[in-house]
Amino acid sequence: MQIEKGSWVRIHDIVLSPQDRSPNLPEDTKKVPLEMWVKGFLLEDGNIGERVEIETITGRRVAGTLLEANPHYDHDFGKFVPEILEIGLQLKKVLWAGENHD
């Protein structure tokens, strides 16, 4: 899939391979590469999976493998927990001593 120059995209690259990482890291961390994911504007037309260069919002130029166009956030804070709601209500009463501070 071809992505046009100037599109907002996300790239990925390996910053350090496991053998290049510091020996002072925890054992499980030393076993995996140091990776980066960066968003920015595509500097030339490119295809998903190709190595491309982007310019970030701050003007930094970064190269990596093109992952997607128009990336979005898809994380959340998990399912509703009724106990946390109750804690919030109790804390409001304690902090404001029953006063109305809506």
PDB file of N, CA and C in Angstrom:
ATOM      1  N   MET A   1       0.840  -1.178   0.000  1.00  0.00           N
ATOM      2  CA  MET A   1       0.000   0.000   0.000  1.00  0.00           C
ATOM      3  C   MET A   1       0.887   1.243   0.000  1.00  0.00           C
ATOM      4  N   GLN A   2       0.748   2.077  -0.991  1.00  0.00           N
ATOM      5  CA  GLN A   2       1.563   3.279  -1.106  1.00  0.00           C
ATOM      6  C   GLN A   2       0.993   4.404  -0.251  1.00  0.00           C
ATOM      7  N   ILE A   3       1.878   5.055   0.493  1.00  0.00           N
ATOM      8  CA  ILE A   3       1.518   6.193   1.332  1.00  0.00           C
ATOM      9  C   ILE A   3       2.188   7.427   0.728  1.00  0.00           C
ATOM     10  N   GLU A   4       1.441   8.513   0.604  1.00  0.00           N
ATOM     11  CA  GLU A   4       1.946   9.716  -0.048  1.00  0.00           C
ATOM     12  C   GLU A   4       2.838  10.556   0.860  1.00  0.00           C
ATOM     13  N   LYS A   5       3.800  11.209   0.245  1.00  0.00           N
ATOM     14  CA  LYS A   5       4.672  12.162   0.921  1.00  0.00           C
ATOM     15  C   LYS A   5       3.807  13.170   1.683  1.00  0.00           C
ATOM     16  N   GLY A   6       4.243  13.503   2.903  1.00  0.00           N
ATOM     17  CA  GLY A   6       3.507  14.463   3.723  1.00  0.00           C
ATOM     18  C   GLY A   6       2.471  13.845   4.635  1.00  0.00           C
ATOM     19  N   SER A   7       2.182  12.546   4.452  1.00  0.00           N
ATOM     20  CA  SER A   7       1.198  11.871   5.297  1.00  0.00           C
ATOM     21  C   SER A   7       1.742  11.695   6.714  1.00  0.00           C
ATOM     22  N   TRP A   8       0.839  11.713   7.685  1.00  0.00           N
ATOM     23  CA  TRP A   8       1.185  11.454   9.084  1.00  0.00           C
ATOM     24  C   TRP A   8       1.297   9.938   9.253  1.00  0.00           C
ATOM     25  N   VAL A   9       2.478   9.453   9.681  1.00  0.00           N
ATOM     26  CA  VAL A   9       2.727   8.016   9.730  1.00  0.00           C
ATOM     27  C   VAL A   9       3.442   7.623  11.023  1.00  0.00           C
ATOM     28  N   ARG A  10       3.539   6.322  11.240  1.00  0.00           N
ATOM     29  CA  ARG A  10       4.312   5.768  12.353  1.00  0.00           C
ATOM     30  C   ARG A  10       5.345   4.822  11.786  1.00  0.00           C
ATOM     31  N   ILE A  11       6.589   4.936  12.307  1.00  0.00           N
ATOM     32  CA  ILE A  11       7.669   4.050  11.882  1.00  0.00           C
ATOM     33  C   ILE A  11       8.216   3.294  13.079  1.00  0.00           C
ATOM     34  N   HIS A  12       9.011   2.273  12.795  1.00  0.00           N
ATOM     35  CA  HIS A  12       9.648   1.439  13.826  1.00  0.00           C
ATOM     36  C   HIS A  12      11.092   1.201  13.436  1.00  0.00           C
ATOM     37  N   ASP A  13      11.967   1.142  14.427  1.00  0.00           N
ATOM     38  CA  ASP A  13      13.362   0.818  14.160  1.00  0.00           C
ATOM     39  C   ASP A  13      13.982   0.186  15.398  1.00  0.00           C
ATOM     40  N   ILE A  14      15.031  -0.583  15.190  1.00  0.00           N
ATOM     41  CA  ILE A  14      15.824  -1.156  16.275  1.00  0.00           C
ATOM     42  C   ILE A  14      16.956  -0.179  16.559  1.00  0.00           C
ATOM     43  N   VAL A  15      17.006   0.344  17.782  1.00  0.00           N
ATOM     44  CA  VAL A  15      18.037   1.301  18.167  1.00  0.00           C
ATOM     45  C   VAL A  15      19.312   0.563  18.557  1.00  0.00           C
ATOM     46  N   LEU A  16      19.178  -0.471  19.374  1.00  0.00           N
ATOM     47  CA  LEU A  16      20.315  -1.295  19.796  1.00  0.00           C
ATOM     48  C   LEU A  16      19.918  -2.761  19.763  1.00  0.00           C
ATOM     49  N   SER A  17      20.782  -3.596  19.215  1.00  0.00           N
ATOM     50  CA  SER A  17      20.540  -5.037  19.250  1.00  0.00           C
ATOM     51  C   SER A  17      20.908  -5.543  20.645  1.00  0.00           C
ATOM     52  N   PRO A  18      20.450  -6.747  21.032  1.00  0.00           N
ATOM     53  CA  PRO A  18      20.734  -7.245  22.375  1.00  0.00           C
ATOM     54  C   PRO A  18      22.234  -7.239  22.717  1.00  0.00           C
ATOM     55  N   GLN A  19      23.098  -7.602  21.771  1.00  0.00           N
ATOM     56  CA  GLN A  19      24.534  -7.652  22.069  1.00  0.00           C
ATOM     57  C   GLN A  19      25.160  -6.266  22.241  1.00  0.00           C
ATOM     58  N   ASP A  20      24.465  -5.224  21.776  1.00  0.00           N
ATOM     59  CA  ASP A  20      24.986  -3.857  21.906  1.00  0.00           C
ATOM     60  C   ASP A  20      24.478  -3.138  23.152  1.00  0.00           C
ATOM     61  N   ARG A  21      23.600  -3.774  23.898  1.00  0.00           N
ATOM     62  CA  ARG A  21      23.021  -3.130  25.080  1.00  0.00           C
ATOM     63  C   ARG A  21      23.965  -3.198  26.269  1.00  0.00           C
ATOM     64  N   SER A  22      23.768  -2.310  27.214  1.00  0.00           N
ATOM     65  CA  SER A  22      24.611  -2.207  28.403  1.00  0.00           C
ATOM     66  C   SER A  22      24.590  -3.498  29.219  1.00  0.00           C
ATOM     67  N   PRO A  23      25.743  -3.895  29.743  1.00  0.00           N
ATOM     68  CA  PRO A  23      25.774  -5.084  30.595  1.00  0.00           C
ATOM     69  C   PRO A  23      25.131  -4.840  31.967  1.00  0.00           C
ATOM     70  N   ASN A  24      24.834  -3.597  32.299  1.00  0.00           N
ATOM     71  CA  ASN A  24      24.261  -3.266  33.608  1.00  0.00           C
ATOM     72  C   ASN A  24      22.748  -3.409  33.664  1.00  0.00           C
ATOM     73  N   LEU A  25      22.140  -3.837  32.579  1.00  0.00           N
ATOM     74  CA  LEU A  25      20.682  -3.994  32.532  1.00  0.00           C
ATOM     75  C   LEU A  25      20.249  -5.292  33.196  1.00  0.00           C
ATOM     76  N   PRO A  26      18.993  -5.368  33.634  1.00  0.00           N
ATOM     77  CA  PRO A  26      18.469  -6.644  34.146  1.00  0.00           C
ATOM     78  C   PRO A  26      18.550  -7.708  33.039  1.00  0.00           C
ATOM     79  N   GLU A  27      18.688  -8.956  33.438  1.00  0.00           N
ATOM     80  CA  GLU A  27      18.890 -10.060  32.484  1.00  0.00           C
ATOM     81  C   GLU A  27      17.797 -10.126  31.418  1.00  0.00           C
ATOM     82  N   ASP A  28      16.534  -9.988  31.816  1.00  0.00           N
ATOM     83  CA  ASP A  28      15.457 -10.099  30.826  1.00  0.00           C
ATOM     84  C   ASP A  28      15.484  -8.935  29.838  1.00  0.00           C
ATOM     85  N   THR A  29      15.930  -7.763  30.279  1.00  0.00           N
ATOM     86  CA  THR A  29      16.018  -6.597  29.399  1.00  0.00           C
ATOM     87  C   THR A  29      17.168  -6.740  28.410  1.00  0.00           C
ATOM     88  N   LYS A  30      18.279  -7.291  28.858  1.00  0.00           N
ATOM     89  CA  LYS A  30      19.462  -7.472  27.997  1.00  0.00           C
ATOM     90  C   LYS A  30      19.190  -8.395  26.814  1.00  0.00           C
ATOM     91  N   LYS A  31      18.199  -9.262  26.941  1.00  0.00           N
ATOM     92  CA  LYS A  31      17.931 -10.272  25.916  1.00  0.00           C
ATOM     93  C   LYS A  31      17.152  -9.741  24.710  1.00  0.00           C
ATOM     94  N   VAL A  32      16.592  -8.536  24.834  1.00  0.00           N
ATOM     95  CA  VAL A  32      15.754  -8.011  23.755  1.00  0.00           C
ATOM     96  C   VAL A  32      16.352  -6.721  23.191  1.00  0.00           C
ATOM     97  N   PRO A  33      16.067  -6.406  21.935  1.00  0.00           N
ATOM     98  CA  PRO A  33      16.589  -5.164  21.355  1.00  0.00           C
ATOM     99  C   PRO A  33      15.891  -3.935  21.955  1.00  0.00           C
ATOM    100  N   LEU A  34      16.562  -2.805  21.883  1.00  0.00           N
ATOM    101  CA  LEU A  34      15.945  -1.532  22.238  1.00  0.00           C
ATOM    102  C   LEU A  34      15.260  -1.022  20.980  1.00  0.00           C
ATOM    103  N   GLU A  35      13.944  -0.859  21.052  1.00  0.00           N
ATOM    104  CA  GLU A  35      13.159  -0.492  19.882  1.00  0.00           C
ATOM    105  C   GLU A  35      12.581   0.907  20.032  1.00  0.00           C
ATOM    106  N   MET A  36      12.251   1.529  18.894  1.00  0.00           N
ATOM    107  CA  MET A  36      11.574   2.820  18.923  1.00  0.00           C
ATOM    108  C   MET A  36      10.425   2.827  17.931  1.00  0.00           C
ATOM    109  N   TRP A  37       9.398   3.557  18.289  1.00  0.00           N
ATOM    110  CA  TRP A  37       8.269   3.825  17.418  1.00  0.00           C
ATOM    111  C   TRP A  37       8.109   5.338  17.416  1.00  0.00           C
ATOM    112  N   VAL A  38       8.061   5.931  16.242  1.00  0.00           N
ATOM    113  CA  VAL A  38       8.009   7.387  16.123  1.00  0.00           C
ATOM    114  C   VAL A  38       6.946   7.774  15.101  1.00  0.00           C
ATOM    115  N   LYS A  39       6.245   8.878  15.371  1.00  0.00           N
ATOM    116  CA  LYS A  39       5.259   9.406  14.432  1.00  0.00           C
ATOM    117  C   LYS A  39       5.799  10.683  13.805  1.00  0.00           C
ATOM    118  N   GLY A  40       5.453  10.894  12.542  1.00  0.00           N
ATOM    119  CA  GLY A  40       5.880  12.108  11.867  1.00  0.00           C
ATOM    120  C   GLY A  40       5.337  12.162  10.456  1.00  0.00           C
ATOM    121  N   PHE A  41       5.818  13.154   9.706  1.00  0.00           N
ATOM    122  CA  PHE A  41       5.380  13.361   8.331  1.00  0.00           C
ATOM    123  C   PHE A  41       6.336  12.676   7.366  1.00  0.00           C
ATOM    124  N   LEU A  42       5.800  11.885   6.472  1.00  0.00           N
ATOM    125  CA  LEU A  42       6.585  11.133   5.502  1.00  0.00           C
ATOM    126  C   LEU A  42       7.258  12.093   4.524  1.00  0.00           C
ATOM    127  N   LEU A  43       8.579  11.939   4.341  1.00  0.00           N
ATOM    128  CA  LEU A  43       9.332  12.864   3.492  1.00  0.00           C
ATOM    129  C   LEU A  43       9.315  12.480   2.019  1.00  0.00           C
ATOM    130  N   GLU A  44       9.046  11.227   1.704  1.00  0.00           N
ATOM    131  CA  GLU A  44       8.912  10.750   0.316  1.00  0.00           C
ATOM    132  C   GLU A  44       7.818   9.690   0.298  1.00  0.00           C
ATOM    133  N   ASP A  45       7.194   9.478  -0.867  1.00  0.00           N
ATOM    134  CA  ASP A  45       6.217   8.397  -0.975  1.00  0.00           C
ATOM    135  C   ASP A  45       6.859   7.090  -0.508  1.00  0.00           C
ATOM    136  N   GLY A  46       6.071   6.230   0.130  1.00  0.00           N
ATOM    137  CA  GLY A  46       6.608   4.954   0.591  1.00  0.00           C
ATOM    138  C   GLY A  46       5.514   3.915   0.730  1.00  0.00           C
ATOM    139  N   ASN A  47       5.936   2.677   0.890  1.00  0.00           N
ATOM    140  CA  ASN A  47       5.018   1.557   1.073  1.00  0.00           C
ATOM    141  C   ASN A  47       5.196   0.967   2.462  1.00  0.00           C
ATOM    142  N   ILE A  48       4.113   0.440   2.999  1.00  0.00           N
ATOM    143  CA  ILE A  48       4.175  -0.241   4.286  1.00  0.00           C
ATOM    144  C   ILE A  48       5.265  -1.316   4.203  1.00  0.00           C
ATOM    145  N   GLY A  49       6.129  -1.359   5.227  1.00  0.00           N
ATOM    146  CA  GLY A  49       7.203  -2.345   5.276  1.00  0.00           C
ATOM    147  C   GLY A  49       8.524  -1.842   4.708  1.00  0.00           C
ATOM    148  N   GLU A  50       8.511  -0.717   4.016  1.00  0.00           N
ATOM    149  CA  GLU A  50       9.746  -0.157   3.465  1.00  0.00           C
ATOM    150  C   GLU A  50      10.427   0.747   4.492  1.00  0.00           C
ATOM    151  N   ARG A  51      11.728   0.921   4.322  1.00  0.00           N
ATOM    152  CA  ARG A  51      12.474   1.859   5.150  1.00  0.00           C
ATOM    153  C   ARG A  51      12.251   3.260   4.573  1.00  0.00           C
ATOM    154  N   VAL A  52      11.826   4.190   5.437  1.00  0.00           N
ATOM    155  CA  VAL A  52      11.496   5.545   5.020  1.00  0.00           C
ATOM    156  C   VAL A  52      12.095   6.541   6.012  1.00  0.00           C
ATOM    157  N   GLU A  53      12.012   7.804   5.658  1.00  0.00           N
ATOM    158  CA  GLU A  53      12.439   8.867   6.562  1.00  0.00           C
ATOM    159  C   GLU A  53      11.239   9.773   6.817  1.00  0.00           C
ATOM    160  N   ILE A  54      11.123  10.218   8.072  1.00  0.00           N
ATOM    161  CA  ILE A  54      10.040  11.104   8.462  1.00  0.00           C
ATOM    162  C   ILE A  54      10.612  12.342   9.139  1.00  0.00           C
ATOM    163  N   GLU A  55       9.761  13.359   9.262  1.00  0.00           N
ATOM    164  CA  GLU A  55      10.101  14.525  10.072  1.00  0.00           C
ATOM    165  C   GLU A  55       9.063  14.624  11.170  1.00  0.00           C
ATOM    166  N   THR A  56       9.534  14.656  12.418  1.00  0.00           N
ATOM    167  CA  THR A  56       8.623  14.706  13.559  1.00  0.00           C
ATOM    168  C   THR A  56       8.075  16.112  13.732  1.00  0.00           C
ATOM    169  N   ILE A  57       7.112  16.241  14.618  1.00  0.00           N
ATOM    170  CA  ILE A  57       6.524  17.541  14.943  1.00  0.00           C
ATOM    171  C   ILE A  57       7.603  18.527  15.387  1.00  0.00           C
ATOM    172  N   THR A  58       8.639  18.024  16.068  1.00  0.00           N
ATOM    173  CA  THR A  58       9.702  18.899  16.573  1.00  0.00           C
ATOM    174  C   THR A  58      10.782  19.169  15.529  1.00  0.00           C
ATOM    175  N   GLY A  59      10.609  18.641  14.309  1.00  0.00           N
ATOM    176  CA  GLY A  59      11.564  18.908  13.237  1.00  0.00           C
ATOM    177  C   GLY A  59      12.706  17.918  13.137  1.00  0.00           C
ATOM    178  N   ARG A  60      12.685  16.869  13.946  1.00  0.00           N
ATOM    179  CA  ARG A  60      13.746  15.862  13.905  1.00  0.00           C
ATOM    180  C   ARG A  60      13.489  14.911  12.746  1.00  0.00           C
ATOM    181  N   ARG A  61      14.554  14.539  12.031  1.00  0.00           N
ATOM    182  CA  ARG A  61      14.443  13.558  10.944  1.00  0.00           C
ATOM    183  C   ARG A  61      14.846  12.189  11.474  1.00  0.00           C
ATOM    184  N   VAL A  62      13.982  11.209  11.214  1.00  0.00           N
ATOM    185  CA  VAL A  62      14.188   9.859  11.739  1.00  0.00           C
ATOM    186  C   VAL A  62      13.863   8.858  10.642  1.00  0.00           C
ATOM    187  N   ALA A  63      14.657   7.784  10.562  1.00  0.00           N
ATOM    188  CA  ALA A  63      14.410   6.729   9.579  1.00  0.00           C
ATOM    189  C   ALA A  63      13.956   5.459  10.285  1.00  0.00           C
ATOM    190  N   GLY A  64      13.137   4.674   9.589  1.00  0.00           N
ATOM    191  CA  GLY A  64      12.675   3.407  10.124  1.00  0.00           C
ATOM    192  C   GLY A  64      11.740   2.725   9.137  1.00  0.00           C
ATOM    193  N   THR A  65      11.198   1.606   9.563  1.00  0.00           N
ATOM    194  CA  THR A  65      10.276   0.839   8.736  1.00  0.00           C
ATOM    195  C   THR A  65       8.872   1.417   8.870  1.00  0.00           C
ATOM    196  N   LEU A  66       8.256   1.724   7.738  1.00  0.00           N
ATOM    197  CA  LEU A  66       6.919   2.307   7.723  1.00  0.00           C
ATOM    198  C   LEU A  66       5.894   1.275   8.191  1.00  0.00           C
ATOM    199  N   LEU A  67       5.170   1.615   9.250  1.00  0.00           N
ATOM    200  CA  LEU A  67       4.174   0.698   9.815  1.00  0.00           C
ATOM    201  C   LEU A  67       2.746   1.025   9.404  1.00  0.00           C
ATOM    202  N   GLU A  68       2.374   2.312   9.498  1.00  0.00           N
ATOM    203  CA  GLU A  68       0.980   2.672   9.218  1.00  0.00           C
ATOM    204  C   GLU A  68       0.850   4.158   8.933  1.00  0.00           C
ATOM    205  N   ALA A  69      -0.215   4.486   8.225  1.00  0.00           N
ATOM    206  CA  ALA A  69      -0.570   5.881   7.977  1.00  0.00           C
ATOM    207  C   ALA A  69      -1.680   6.274   8.939  1.00  0.00           C
ATOM    208  N   ASN A  70      -1.720   7.526   9.302  1.00  0.00           N
ATOM    209  CA  ASN A  70      -2.734   8.071  10.207  1.00  0.00           C
ATOM    210  C   ASN A  70      -2.881   7.239  11.479  1.00  0.00           C
ATOM    211  N   PRO A  71      -1.780   7.017  12.208  1.00  0.00           N
ATOM    212  CA  PRO A  71      -1.853   6.201  13.428  1.00  0.00           C
ATOM    213  C   PRO A  71      -2.737   6.867  14.483  1.00  0.00           C
ATOM    214  N   HIS A  72      -3.351   6.047  15.310  1.00  0.00           N
ATOM    215  CA  HIS A  72      -4.217   6.551  16.367  1.00  0.00           C
ATOM    216  C   HIS A  72      -3.902   5.833  17.669  1.00  0.00           C
ATOM    217  N   TYR A  73      -4.345   6.412  18.764  1.00  0.00           N
ATOM    218  CA  TYR A  73      -4.182   5.768  20.064  1.00  0.00           C
ATOM    219  C   TYR A  73      -5.261   4.724  20.221  1.00  0.00           C
ATOM    220  N   ASP A  74      -4.885   3.529  20.667  1.00  0.00           N
ATOM    221  CA  ASP A  74      -5.887   2.486  20.854  1.00  0.00           C
ATOM    222  C   ASP A  74      -5.782   1.837  22.233  1.00  0.00           C
ATOM    223  N   HIS A  75      -5.187   2.562  23.183  1.00  0.00           N
ATOM    224  CA  HIS A  75      -5.109   2.040  24.545  1.00  0.00           C
ATOM    225  C   HIS A  75      -6.238   2.634  25.386  1.00  0.00           C
ATOM    226  N   ASP A  76      -6.465   2.030  26.529  1.00  0.00           N
ATOM    227  CA  ASP A  76      -7.440   2.575  27.466  1.00  0.00           C
ATOM    228  C   ASP A  76      -6.959   2.269  28.879  1.00  0.00           C
ATOM    229  N   PHE A  77      -7.774   2.556  29.854  1.00  0.00           N
ATOM    230  CA  PHE A  77      -7.391   2.351  31.239  1.00  0.00           C
ATOM    231  C   PHE A  77      -8.078   1.136  31.850  1.00  0.00           C
ATOM    232  N   GLY A  78      -8.544   0.237  31.010  1.00  0.00           N
ATOM    233  CA  GLY A  78      -9.140  -0.997  31.497  1.00  0.00           C
ATOM    234  C   GLY A  78     -10.635  -0.876  31.766  1.00  0.00           C
ATOM    235  N   LYS A  79     -11.169  -1.933  32.302  1.00  0.00           N
ATOM    236  CA  LYS A  79     -12.605  -2.004  32.579  1.00  0.00           C
ATOM    237  C   LYS A  79     -12.960  -1.197  33.824  1.00  0.00           C
ATOM    238  N   PHE A  80     -14.205  -0.833  33.913  1.00  0.00           N
ATOM    239  CA  PHE A  80     -14.725  -0.086  35.053  1.00  0.00           C
ATOM    240  C   PHE A  80     -14.548  -0.889  36.332  1.00  0.00           C
ATOM    241  N   VAL A  81     -14.069  -0.216  37.406  1.00  0.00           N
ATOM    242  CA  VAL A  81     -13.884  -0.849  38.708  1.00  0.00           C
ATOM    243  C   VAL A  81     -14.727  -0.073  39.720  1.00  0.00           C
ATOM    244  N   PRO A  82     -15.843  -0.646  40.164  1.00  0.00           N
ATOM    245  CA  PRO A  82     -16.744   0.080  41.063  1.00  0.00           C
ATOM    246  C   PRO A  82     -16.070   0.545  42.351  1.00  0.00           C
ATOM    247  N   GLU A  83     -15.119  -0.235  42.868  1.00  0.00           N
ATOM    248  CA  GLU A  83     -14.437   0.128  44.107  1.00  0.00           C
ATOM    249  C   GLU A  83     -13.665   1.440  43.964  1.00  0.00           C
ATOM    250  N   ILE A  84     -13.103   1.676  42.789  1.00  0.00           N
ATOM    251  CA  ILE A  84     -12.349   2.911  42.568  1.00  0.00           C
ATOM    252  C   ILE A  84     -13.294   4.106  42.548  1.00  0.00           C
ATOM    253  N   LEU A  85     -14.469   3.930  41.993  1.00  0.00           N
ATOM    254  CA  LEU A  85     -15.468   5.002  42.013  1.00  0.00           C
ATOM    255  C   LEU A  85     -15.829   5.348  43.451  1.00  0.00           C
ATOM    256  N   GLU A  86     -16.062   4.333  44.261  1.00  0.00           N
ATOM    257  CA  GLU A  86     -16.413   4.553  45.670  1.00  0.00           C
ATOM    258  C   GLU A  86     -15.280   5.252  46.421  1.00  0.00           C
ATOM    259  N   ILE A  87     -14.045   4.873  46.156  1.00  0.00           N
ATOM    260  CA  ILE A  87     -12.884   5.525  46.782  1.00  0.00           C
ATOM    261  C   ILE A  87     -12.863   7.003  46.408  1.00  0.00           C
ATOM    262  N   GLY A  88     -13.129   7.301  45.142  1.00  0.00           N
ATOM    263  CA  GLY A  88     -13.142   8.692  44.695  1.00  0.00           C
ATOM    264  C   GLY A  88     -14.185   9.525  45.417  1.00  0.00           C
ATOM    265  N   LEU A  89     -15.372   8.950  45.590  1.00  0.00           N
ATOM    266  CA  LEU A  89     -16.443   9.659  46.290  1.00  0.00           C
ATOM    267  C   LEU A  89     -16.084   9.878  47.761  1.00  0.00           C
ATOM    268  N   GLN A  90     -15.501   8.870  48.403  1.00  0.00           N
ATOM    269  CA  GLN A  90     -15.099   8.997  49.801  1.00  0.00           C
ATOM    270  C   GLN A  90     -13.990  10.040  49.954  1.00  0.00           C
ATOM    271  N   LEU A  91     -13.040  10.023  49.037  1.00  0.00           N
ATOM    272  CA  LEU A  91     -11.924  10.964  49.095  1.00  0.00           C
ATOM    273  C   LEU A  91     -12.411  12.398  48.937  1.00  0.00           C
ATOM    274  N   LYS A  92     -13.379  12.611  48.059  1.00  0.00           N
ATOM    275  CA  LYS A  92     -13.943  13.944  47.860  1.00  0.00           C
ATOM    276  C   LYS A  92     -14.557  14.452  49.159  1.00  0.00           C
ATOM    277  N   LYS A  93     -15.280  13.590  49.863  1.00  0.00           N
ATOM    278  CA  LYS A  93     -15.890  13.991  51.136  1.00  0.00           C
ATOM    279  C   LYS A  93     -14.824  14.348  52.165  1.00  0.00           C
ATOM    280  N   VAL A  94     -13.748  13.565  52.226  1.00  0.00           N
ATOM    281  CA  VAL A  94     -12.680  13.821  53.194  1.00  0.00           C
ATOM    282  C   VAL A  94     -11.954  15.122  52.866  1.00  0.00           C
ATOM    283  N   LEU A  95     -11.614  15.312  51.614  1.00  0.00           N
ATOM    284  CA  LEU A  95     -10.849  16.492  51.219  1.00  0.00           C
ATOM    285  C   LEU A  95     -11.640  17.783  51.364  1.00  0.00           C
ATOM    286  N   TRP A  96     -12.907  17.745  51.028  1.00  0.00           N
ATOM    287  CA  TRP A  96     -13.707  18.970  51.047  1.00  0.00           C
ATOM    288  C   TRP A  96     -14.580  19.077  52.298  1.00  0.00           C
ATOM    289  N   ALA A  97     -14.447  18.171  53.224  1.00  0.00           N
ATOM    290  CA  ALA A  97     -15.172  18.199  54.503  1.00  0.00           C
ATOM    291  C   ALA A  97     -16.671  18.436  54.325  1.00  0.00           C
ATOM    292  N   GLY A  98     -17.222  17.810  53.294  1.00  0.00           N
ATOM    293  CA  GLY A  98     -18.648  17.892  53.075  1.00  0.00           C
ATOM    294  C   GLY A  98     -19.106  19.144  52.345  1.00  0.00           C
ATOM    295  N   GLU A  99     -18.179  20.087  52.057  1.00  0.00           N
ATOM    296  CA  GLU A  99     -18.570  21.289  51.325  1.00  0.00           C
ATOM    297  C   GLU A  99     -18.863  20.958  49.880  1.00  0.00           C
ATOM    298  N   ASN A 100     -19.675  21.775  49.243  1.00  0.00           N
ATOM    299  CA  ASN A 100     -20.042  21.551  47.836  1.00  0.00           C
ATOM    300  C   ASN A 100     -19.024  22.213  46.924  1.00  0.00           C
ATOM    301  N   HIS A 101     -18.146  21.424  46.285  1.00  0.00           N
ATOM    302  CA  HIS A 101     -17.114  21.929  45.369  1.00  0.00           C
ATOM    303  C   HIS A 101     -17.227  21.252  44.011  1.00  0.00           C
ATOM    304  N   ASP A 102     -18.349  21.302  43.393  1.00  0.00           N
ATOM    305  CA  ASP A 102     -18.546  20.653  42.092  1.00  0.00           C
ATOM    306  C   ASP A 102     -17.809  21.356  40.995  1.00  0.00           C
TER     307      ASP A 102
END
